[in-house]
Amino acid sequence: MTPPLVKYGTEVEYRTHFERVYCLGSIFTFDAICVKFRRHHFNHCMFESTARDRIKDKFSMDRALRIDWIKATLEHPDAELYQGWDRDKKRHVADRRAAIIYENFVVVIRFVDDKKAEFVTAYHAGESIDKIKRGPKWK
C-alpha cells in the first residue's frame, strides 16, 4: 500500500518535518544500512529546477507531499534495487543504490561503507523510470 501524502501549508513545515524525521532520527534500510540525512538534502530533494539547468530554484509541492515516501521506500523489503547513476561520470556506479517501490518514486543513497550510506536524492521519475530500470540491478 502506498504511504499517505503529507499535507502541510508551507515550505517551512515540510523542512521542519524533514529535519525531525530524517536528520535527527535514525533511518535504516530493510537490509540494515544506516542512512545519514543532512539538512541541505532538503533543498536538493524538495526543490526543482525550472530551467532544467541543475539549479534547484522552486519548491516542489509534488515532491513535498511524498516526503514520507523516502523512509517507506528505504525500509521496504520488496523495493526494486538498481545501481545508481553518477551524472558527472556518466555511468552507473556500484556505490549508489536506487530503490523503487511506489509509483515510480526513486530514492538514491550513496554507500560510505558496507553498513553506512548517505542520502543523495528522491524524486518521482515519471517517464524516465524506464531508463533507470534498464540499468544494472544493484548487487
C-alpha atoms as a PDB file:
ATOM      1  CA  MET A   1       0.000   0.000   0.000  1.00  0.00           C
ATOM      2  CA  THR A   2       1.293   3.434  -0.978  1.00  0.00           C
ATOM      3  CA  PRO A   3       2.108   5.677   2.006  1.00  0.00           C
ATOM      4  CA  PRO A   4      -0.206   8.647   2.545  1.00  0.00           C
ATOM      5  CA  LEU A   5       0.711  12.069   1.263  1.00  0.00           C
ATOM      6  CA  VAL A   6       1.854  14.593   3.867  1.00  0.00           C
ATOM      7  CA  LYS A   7      -0.099  17.833   3.642  1.00  0.00           C
ATOM      8  CA  TYR A   8       1.308  20.982   5.196  1.00  0.00           C
ATOM      9  CA  GLY A   9       0.686  24.559   4.190  1.00  0.00           C
ATOM     10  CA  THR A  10       4.231  25.894   3.963  1.00  0.00           C
ATOM     11  CA  GLU A  11       7.760  25.014   2.919  1.00  0.00           C
ATOM     12  CA  VAL A  12       8.889  25.710   6.495  1.00  0.00           C
ATOM     13  CA  GLU A  13       6.572  22.996   7.832  1.00  0.00           C
ATOM     14  CA  TYR A  14       7.986  20.466   5.356  1.00  0.00           C
ATOM     15  CA  ARG A  15      11.544  21.493   6.217  1.00  0.00           C
ATOM     16  CA  THR A  16      10.804  21.038   9.932  1.00  0.00           C
ATOM     17  CA  HIS A  17       9.301  17.610   9.212  1.00  0.00           C
ATOM     18  CA  PHE A  18      12.357  16.598   7.145  1.00  0.00           C
ATOM     19  CA  GLU A  19      14.782  17.672   9.860  1.00  0.00           C
ATOM     20  CA  ARG A  20      12.802  15.958  12.633  1.00  0.00           C
ATOM     21  CA  VAL A  21      12.201  12.658  10.829  1.00  0.00           C
ATOM     22  CA  TYR A  22      15.335  12.336   8.728  1.00  0.00           C
ATOM     23  CA  CYS A  23      18.132  14.467  10.159  1.00  0.00           C
ATOM     24  CA  LEU A  24      17.506  13.924  13.860  1.00  0.00           C
ATOM     25  CA  GLY A  25      16.254  10.356  13.640  1.00  0.00           C
ATOM     26  CA  SER A  26      17.980   7.150  12.614  1.00  0.00           C
ATOM     27  CA  ILE A  27      16.831   5.736   9.306  1.00  0.00           C
ATOM     28  CA  PHE A  28      17.724   2.151   8.444  1.00  0.00           C
ATOM     29  CA  THR A  29      17.042   0.371   5.183  1.00  0.00           C
ATOM     30  CA  PHE A  30      15.324  -3.010   5.135  1.00  0.00           C
ATOM     31  CA  ASP A  31      18.806  -4.602   4.944  1.00  0.00           C
ATOM     32  CA  ALA A  32      20.183  -2.727   7.978  1.00  0.00           C
ATOM     33  CA  ILE A  33      22.054   0.090   6.213  1.00  0.00           C
ATOM     34  CA  CYS A  34      22.126   3.257   8.338  1.00  0.00           C
ATOM     35  CA  VAL A  35      21.328   6.209   6.063  1.00  0.00           C
ATOM     36  CA  LYS A  36      22.572   9.658   7.082  1.00  0.00           C
ATOM     37  CA  PHE A  37      20.494  12.695   6.112  1.00  0.00           C
ATOM     38  CA  ARG A  38      21.788  16.251   6.314  1.00  0.00           C
ATOM     39  CA  ARG A  39      19.766  19.463   6.427  1.00  0.00           C
ATOM     40  CA  HIS A  40      20.949  20.600   2.981  1.00  0.00           C
ATOM     41  CA  HIS A  41      19.482  17.441   1.432  1.00  0.00           C
ATOM     42  CA  PHE A  42      16.065  19.026   1.855  1.00  0.00           C
ATOM     43  CA  ASN A  43      16.877  21.652  -0.770  1.00  0.00           C
ATOM     44  CA  HIS A  44      18.051  19.012  -3.195  1.00  0.00           C
ATOM     45  CA  CYS A  45      15.103  16.647  -2.891  1.00  0.00           C
ATOM     46  CA  MET A  46      12.267  19.131  -2.321  1.00  0.00           C
ATOM     47  CA  PHE A  47      13.136  21.704  -4.975  1.00  0.00           C
ATOM     48  CA  GLU A  48      13.100  21.518  -8.767  1.00  0.00           C
ATOM     49  CA  SER A  49      14.959  23.326 -11.495  1.00  0.00           C
ATOM     50  CA  THR A  50      12.582  25.476 -13.521  1.00  0.00           C
ATOM     51  CA  ALA A  51      15.188  25.936 -16.274  1.00  0.00           C
ATOM     52  CA  ARG A  52      16.392  22.290 -16.113  1.00  0.00           C
ATOM     53  CA  ASP A  53      19.928  23.593 -15.543  1.00  0.00           C
ATOM     54  CA  ARG A  54      20.658  21.807 -12.215  1.00  0.00           C
ATOM     55  CA  ILE A  55      19.846  24.960 -10.254  1.00  0.00           C
ATOM     56  CA  LYS A  56      17.016  23.984  -7.912  1.00  0.00           C
ATOM     57  CA  ASP A  57      15.128  27.227  -7.624  1.00  0.00           C
ATOM     58  CA  LYS A  58      11.479  26.283  -6.973  1.00  0.00           C
ATOM     59  CA  PHE A  59       9.944  24.471  -4.023  1.00  0.00           C
ATOM     60  CA  SER A  60       8.053  21.425  -5.319  1.00  0.00           C
ATOM     61  CA  MET A  61       4.780  20.656  -3.587  1.00  0.00           C
ATOM     62  CA  ASP A  62       4.603  17.438  -5.626  1.00  0.00           C
ATOM     63  CA  ARG A  63       7.870  16.266  -4.058  1.00  0.00           C
ATOM     64  CA  ALA A  64       6.979  17.589  -0.611  1.00  0.00           C
ATOM     65  CA  LEU A  65       3.684  15.693  -0.489  1.00  0.00           C
ATOM     66  CA  ARG A  66       5.735  12.478  -0.823  1.00  0.00           C
ATOM     67  CA  ILE A  67       8.226  13.349   1.929  1.00  0.00           C
ATOM     68  CA  ASP A  68       7.355  10.223   3.945  1.00  0.00           C
ATOM     69  CA  TRP A  69       7.800   8.019   0.889  1.00  0.00           C
ATOM     70  CA  ILE A  70      11.569   8.368   1.294  1.00  0.00           C
ATOM     71  CA  LYS A  71      11.641   6.451   4.575  1.00  0.00           C
ATOM     72  CA  ALA A  72       8.967   3.996   3.434  1.00  0.00           C
ATOM     73  CA  THR A  73      10.936   3.205   0.261  1.00  0.00           C
ATOM     74  CA  LEU A  74      14.201   2.678   2.109  1.00  0.00           C
ATOM     75  CA  GLU A  75      12.531   0.352   4.617  1.00  0.00           C
ATOM     76  CA  HIS A  76      10.507  -1.689   2.109  1.00  0.00           C
ATOM     77  CA  PRO A  77      11.933  -5.207   1.601  1.00  0.00           C
ATOM     78  CA  ASP A  78      10.301  -5.549  -1.831  1.00  0.00           C
ATOM     79  CA  ALA A  79      11.766  -2.386  -3.343  1.00  0.00           C
ATOM     80  CA  GLU A  80      13.443  -2.869  -6.719  1.00  0.00           C
ATOM     81  CA  LEU A  81      17.135  -2.032  -6.388  1.00  0.00           C
ATOM     82  CA  TYR A  82      19.365  -0.691  -9.160  1.00  0.00           C
ATOM     83  CA  GLN A  83      22.848   0.719  -9.381  1.00  0.00           C
ATOM     84  CA  GLY A  84      22.726   4.478  -9.185  1.00  0.00           C
ATOM     85  CA  TRP A  85      23.799   6.837 -11.942  1.00  0.00           C
ATOM     86  CA  ASP A  86      26.731   9.189 -11.489  1.00  0.00           C
ATOM     87  CA  ARG A  87      25.847  12.101 -13.748  1.00  0.00           C
ATOM     88  CA  ASP A  88      29.371  13.546 -13.629  1.00  0.00           C
ATOM     89  CA  LYS A  89      30.999  10.249 -14.649  1.00  0.00           C
ATOM     90  CA  LYS A  90      28.031   9.470 -16.934  1.00  0.00           C
ATOM     91  CA  ARG A  91      27.831   5.842 -15.856  1.00  0.00           C
ATOM     92  CA  HIS A  92      26.239   3.503 -13.336  1.00  0.00           C
ATOM     93  CA  VAL A  93      28.215   3.099 -10.132  1.00  0.00           C
ATOM     94  CA  ALA A  94      28.087   0.332  -7.543  1.00  0.00           C
ATOM     95  CA  ASP A  95      28.347   2.678  -4.556  1.00  0.00           C
ATOM     96  CA  ARG A  96      24.953   4.244  -5.325  1.00  0.00           C
ATOM     97  CA  ARG A  97      21.673   2.443  -4.979  1.00  0.00           C
ATOM     98  CA  ALA A  98      18.323   3.486  -6.394  1.00  0.00           C
ATOM     99  CA  ALA A  99      15.261   1.981  -4.706  1.00  0.00           C
ATOM    100  CA  ILE A 100      11.806   1.985  -6.315  1.00  0.00           C
ATOM    101  CA  ILE A 101       8.555   0.668  -4.880  1.00  0.00           C
ATOM    102  CA  TYR A 102       5.802   3.327  -5.008  1.00  0.00           C
ATOM    103  CA  GLU A 103       4.520   4.865  -8.265  1.00  0.00           C
ATOM    104  CA  ASN A 104       7.945   5.310  -9.891  1.00  0.00           C
ATOM    105  CA  PHE A 105       9.232   7.184  -6.832  1.00  0.00           C
ATOM    106  CA  VAL A 106      13.016   6.781  -6.636  1.00  0.00           C
ATOM    107  CA  VAL A 107      15.253   7.109  -3.581  1.00  0.00           C
ATOM    108  CA  VAL A 108      19.017   7.195  -4.140  1.00  0.00           C
ATOM    109  CA  ILE A 109      21.659   6.585  -1.487  1.00  0.00           C
ATOM    110  CA  ARG A 110      25.471   6.536  -1.710  1.00  0.00           C
ATOM    111  CA  PHE A 111      27.373   3.959   0.311  1.00  0.00           C
ATOM    112  CA  VAL A 112      30.119   5.133   2.636  1.00  0.00           C
ATOM    113  CA  ASP A 113      30.920   1.572   3.730  1.00  0.00           C
ATOM    114  CA  ASP A 114      29.104  -1.785   3.963  1.00  0.00           C
ATOM    115  CA  LYS A 115      26.627  -0.628   6.613  1.00  0.00           C
ATOM    116  CA  LYS A 116      26.513   3.166   6.177  1.00  0.00           C
ATOM    117  CA  ALA A 117      25.154   5.348   3.416  1.00  0.00           C
ATOM    118  CA  GLU A 118      24.284   8.964   2.777  1.00  0.00           C
ATOM    119  CA  PHE A 119      21.046  10.119   1.219  1.00  0.00           C
ATOM    120  CA  VAL A 120      21.502  11.554  -2.280  1.00  0.00           C
ATOM    121  CA  THR A 121      18.025  12.379  -3.564  1.00  0.00           C
ATOM    122  CA  ALA A 122      14.417  11.291  -4.002  1.00  0.00           C
ATOM    123  CA  TYR A 123      12.009  12.134  -6.797  1.00  0.00           C
ATOM    124  CA  HIS A 124       9.108  10.900  -8.887  1.00  0.00           C
ATOM    125  CA  ALA A 125      10.813   9.576 -12.017  1.00  0.00           C
ATOM    126  CA  GLY A 126       7.825   9.763 -14.325  1.00  0.00           C
ATOM    127  CA  GLU A 127       8.711   8.670 -17.843  1.00  0.00           C
ATOM    128  CA  SER A 128      12.427   8.338 -17.043  1.00  0.00           C
ATOM    129  CA  ILE A 129      11.676   5.290 -14.889  1.00  0.00           C
ATOM    130  CA  ASP A 130      12.312   3.020 -17.884  1.00  0.00           C
ATOM    131  CA  LYS A 131      15.862   4.344 -18.189  1.00  0.00           C
ATOM    132  CA  ILE A 132      16.509   3.551 -14.521  1.00  0.00           C
ATOM    133  CA  LYS A 133      15.008   0.072 -14.813  1.00  0.00           C
ATOM    134  CA  ARG A 134      17.158  -0.730 -17.868  1.00  0.00           C
ATOM    135  CA  GLY A 135      20.244  -0.146 -15.735  1.00  0.00           C
ATOM    136  CA  PRO A 136      22.086  -2.861 -13.828  1.00  0.00           C
ATOM    137  CA  LYS A 137      20.485  -4.352 -10.742  1.00  0.00           C
ATOM    138  CA  TRP A 138      22.208  -3.441  -7.509  1.00  0.00           C
ATOM    139  CA  LYS A 139      24.460  -6.260  -6.232  1.00  0.00           C
END
